Amino acid sequence: MQSNTSYQQHEGTLTRKGQVTIPAEIREQLGLKPKDKVRFTVEGDTVRLMPAPSKLLAGYGAVTPRKKPEDYGQRREDFEKGVASDVQSES
């Protein structure tokens, strides 16, 4: 049985600090951008590289907002009216 999977090979050089530059073709194929996290999976003597899921995006939508979109201008105005009322009643 033949596999339809095509393989591309790329080479890099390991620095003294243990760093390797991921070739541009691979970064583009995986959609990686600067500062993105990556995940390495070791299977025997093979290492797989994939984008790491964002912990921030994983929690997106977990909390239902009171109102979409929240009107912070109106909330501030209500707060300021309440403070003004309190100051006026203290006089």
C-alpha atoms as a PDB file:
ATOM      1  CA  MET A   1       0.000   0.000   0.000  1.00  0.00           C
ATOM      2  CA  GLN A   2       1.485   3.357  -1.050  1.00  0.00           C
ATOM      3  CA  SER A   3       1.062   6.567   0.892  1.00  0.00           C
ATOM      4  CA  ASN A   4      -0.035   9.743  -0.909  1.00  0.00           C
ATOM      5  CA  THR A   5       1.845  11.843   1.611  1.00  0.00           C
ATOM      6  CA  SER A   6       4.650  13.901   0.097  1.00  0.00           C
ATOM      7  CA  TYR A   7       7.591  14.826   2.246  1.00  0.00           C
ATOM      8  CA  GLN A   8       9.674  17.969   2.097  1.00  0.00           C
ATOM      9  CA  GLN A   9      13.043  18.155   3.753  1.00  0.00           C
ATOM     10  CA  HIS A  10      14.677  21.277   5.127  1.00  0.00           C
ATOM     11  CA  GLU A  11      17.934  21.643   6.974  1.00  0.00           C
ATOM     12  CA  GLY A  12      19.072  24.074   9.626  1.00  0.00           C
ATOM     13  CA  THR A  13      22.038  24.564  11.911  1.00  0.00           C
ATOM     14  CA  LEU A  14      21.862  24.169  15.671  1.00  0.00           C
ATOM     15  CA  THR A  15      23.462  27.100  17.522  1.00  0.00           C
ATOM     16  CA  ARG A  16      25.451  26.812  20.753  1.00  0.00           C
ATOM     17  CA  LYS A  17      22.313  27.924  22.592  1.00  0.00           C
ATOM     18  CA  GLY A  18      20.315  25.042  21.082  1.00  0.00           C
ATOM     19  CA  GLN A  19      18.377  27.266  18.668  1.00  0.00           C
ATOM     20  CA  VAL A  20      17.358  26.450  15.098  1.00  0.00           C
ATOM     21  CA  THR A  21      15.652  28.807  12.659  1.00  0.00           C
ATOM     22  CA  ILE A  22      12.421  27.336  11.288  1.00  0.00           C
ATOM     23  CA  PRO A  23      12.584  27.723   7.489  1.00  0.00           C
ATOM     24  CA  ALA A  24      10.204  30.307   5.999  1.00  0.00           C
ATOM     25  CA  GLU A  25       8.322  27.664   3.977  1.00  0.00           C
ATOM     26  CA  ILE A  26       7.473  25.744   7.145  1.00  0.00           C
ATOM     27  CA  ARG A  27       6.505  28.890   9.076  1.00  0.00           C
ATOM     28  CA  GLU A  28       4.179  29.890   6.239  1.00  0.00           C
ATOM     29  CA  GLN A  29       2.652  26.414   5.940  1.00  0.00           C
ATOM     30  CA  LEU A  30       1.973  26.292   9.712  1.00  0.00           C
ATOM     31  CA  GLY A  31       0.842  29.929   9.861  1.00  0.00           C
ATOM     32  CA  LEU A  32       3.524  30.793  12.431  1.00  0.00           C
ATOM     33  CA  LYS A  33       4.314  34.417  13.209  1.00  0.00           C
ATOM     34  CA  PRO A  34       6.942  35.991  15.501  1.00  0.00           C
ATOM     35  CA  LYS A  35       6.206  35.362  19.206  1.00  0.00           C
ATOM     36  CA  ASP A  36       3.903  32.385  18.424  1.00  0.00           C
ATOM     37  CA  LYS A  37       4.323  29.358  20.657  1.00  0.00           C
ATOM     38  CA  VAL A  38       5.158  25.996  19.103  1.00  0.00           C
ATOM     39  CA  ARG A  39       4.778  22.452  20.394  1.00  0.00           C
ATOM     40  CA  PHE A  40       7.308  19.662  19.872  1.00  0.00           C
ATOM     41  CA  THR A  41       6.171  16.041  19.990  1.00  0.00           C
ATOM     42  CA  VAL A  42       8.860  13.346  20.135  1.00  0.00           C
ATOM     43  CA  GLU A  43       7.988   9.946  18.660  1.00  0.00           C
ATOM     44  CA  GLY A  44      11.041   7.689  18.782  1.00  0.00           C
ATOM     45  CA  ASP A  45      13.733   9.537  16.854  1.00  0.00           C
ATOM     46  CA  THR A  46      11.212  11.767  15.024  1.00  0.00           C
ATOM     47  CA  VAL A  47      10.188  15.215  16.249  1.00  0.00           C
ATOM     48  CA  ARG A  48       6.950  16.844  15.092  1.00  0.00           C
ATOM     49  CA  LEU A  49       6.543  20.611  15.208  1.00  0.00           C
ATOM     50  CA  MET A  50       3.100  22.240  15.364  1.00  0.00           C
ATOM     51  CA  PRO A  51       1.565  25.510  16.504  1.00  0.00           C
ATOM     52  CA  ALA A  52       0.706  25.421  20.213  1.00  0.00           C
ATOM     53  CA  PRO A  53      -2.907  26.288  20.991  1.00  0.00           C
ATOM     54  CA  SER A  54      -3.390  29.711  22.570  1.00  0.00           C
ATOM     55  CA  LYS A  55      -4.391  29.518  26.225  1.00  0.00           C
ATOM     56  CA  LEU A  56      -5.995  32.955  25.904  1.00  0.00           C
ATOM     57  CA  LEU A  57      -8.119  31.955  22.913  1.00  0.00           C
ATOM     58  CA  ALA A  58      -9.064  28.684  24.614  1.00  0.00           C
ATOM     59  CA  GLY A  59     -10.935  30.697  27.266  1.00  0.00           C
ATOM     60  CA  TYR A  60     -12.520  33.116  24.809  1.00  0.00           C
ATOM     61  CA  GLY A  61     -16.273  33.255  25.244  1.00  0.00           C
ATOM     62  CA  ALA A  62     -16.229  31.445  28.598  1.00  0.00           C
ATOM     63  CA  VAL A  63     -17.877  34.435  30.299  1.00  0.00           C
ATOM     64  CA  THR A  64     -21.110  35.795  28.878  1.00  0.00           C
ATOM     65  CA  PRO A  65     -21.080  39.604  28.833  1.00  0.00           C
ATOM     66  CA  ARG A  66     -24.030  41.443  30.369  1.00  0.00           C
ATOM     67  CA  LYS A  67     -24.589  43.347  27.176  1.00  0.00           C
ATOM     68  CA  LYS A  68     -22.902  43.251  23.749  1.00  0.00           C
ATOM     69  CA  PRO A  69     -21.099  45.553  23.351  1.00  0.00           C
ATOM     70  CA  GLU A  70     -20.994  46.996  26.837  1.00  0.00           C
ATOM     71  CA  ASP A  71     -21.595  50.769  26.802  1.00  0.00           C
ATOM     72  CA  TYR A  72     -18.800  51.983  29.069  1.00  0.00           C
ATOM     73  CA  GLY A  73     -19.572  55.633  28.262  1.00  0.00           C
ATOM     74  CA  GLN A  74     -23.074  55.218  29.683  1.00  0.00           C
ATOM     75  CA  ARG A  75     -21.772  53.355  32.734  1.00  0.00           C
ATOM     76  CA  ARG A  76     -19.280  56.151  33.447  1.00  0.00           C
ATOM     77  CA  GLU A  77     -21.992  58.803  33.061  1.00  0.00           C
ATOM     78  CA  ASP A  78     -24.264  56.915  35.490  1.00  0.00           C
ATOM     79  CA  PHE A  79     -21.378  56.626  37.976  1.00  0.00           C
ATOM     80  CA  GLU A  80     -20.571  60.335  37.740  1.00  0.00           C
ATOM     81  CA  LYS A  81     -24.246  61.242  38.262  1.00  0.00           C
ATOM     82  CA  GLY A  82     -24.315  58.998  41.345  1.00  0.00           C
ATOM     83  CA  VAL A  83     -21.174  60.634  42.771  1.00  0.00           C
ATOM     84  CA  ALA A  84     -22.567  64.111  42.054  1.00  0.00           C
ATOM     85  CA  SER A  85     -25.818  63.168  43.798  1.00  0.00           C
ATOM     86  CA  ASP A  86     -23.889  61.893  46.839  1.00  0.00           C
ATOM     87  CA  VAL A  87     -21.787  65.077  47.022  1.00  0.00           C
ATOM     88  CA  GLN A  88     -24.899  67.248  46.694  1.00  0.00           C
ATOM     89  CA  SER A  89     -26.706  65.393  49.474  1.00  0.00           C
ATOM     90  CA  GLU A  90     -23.695  65.833  51.809  1.00  0.00           C
ATOM     91  CA  SER A  91     -23.851  69.638  51.417  1.00  0.00           C
END
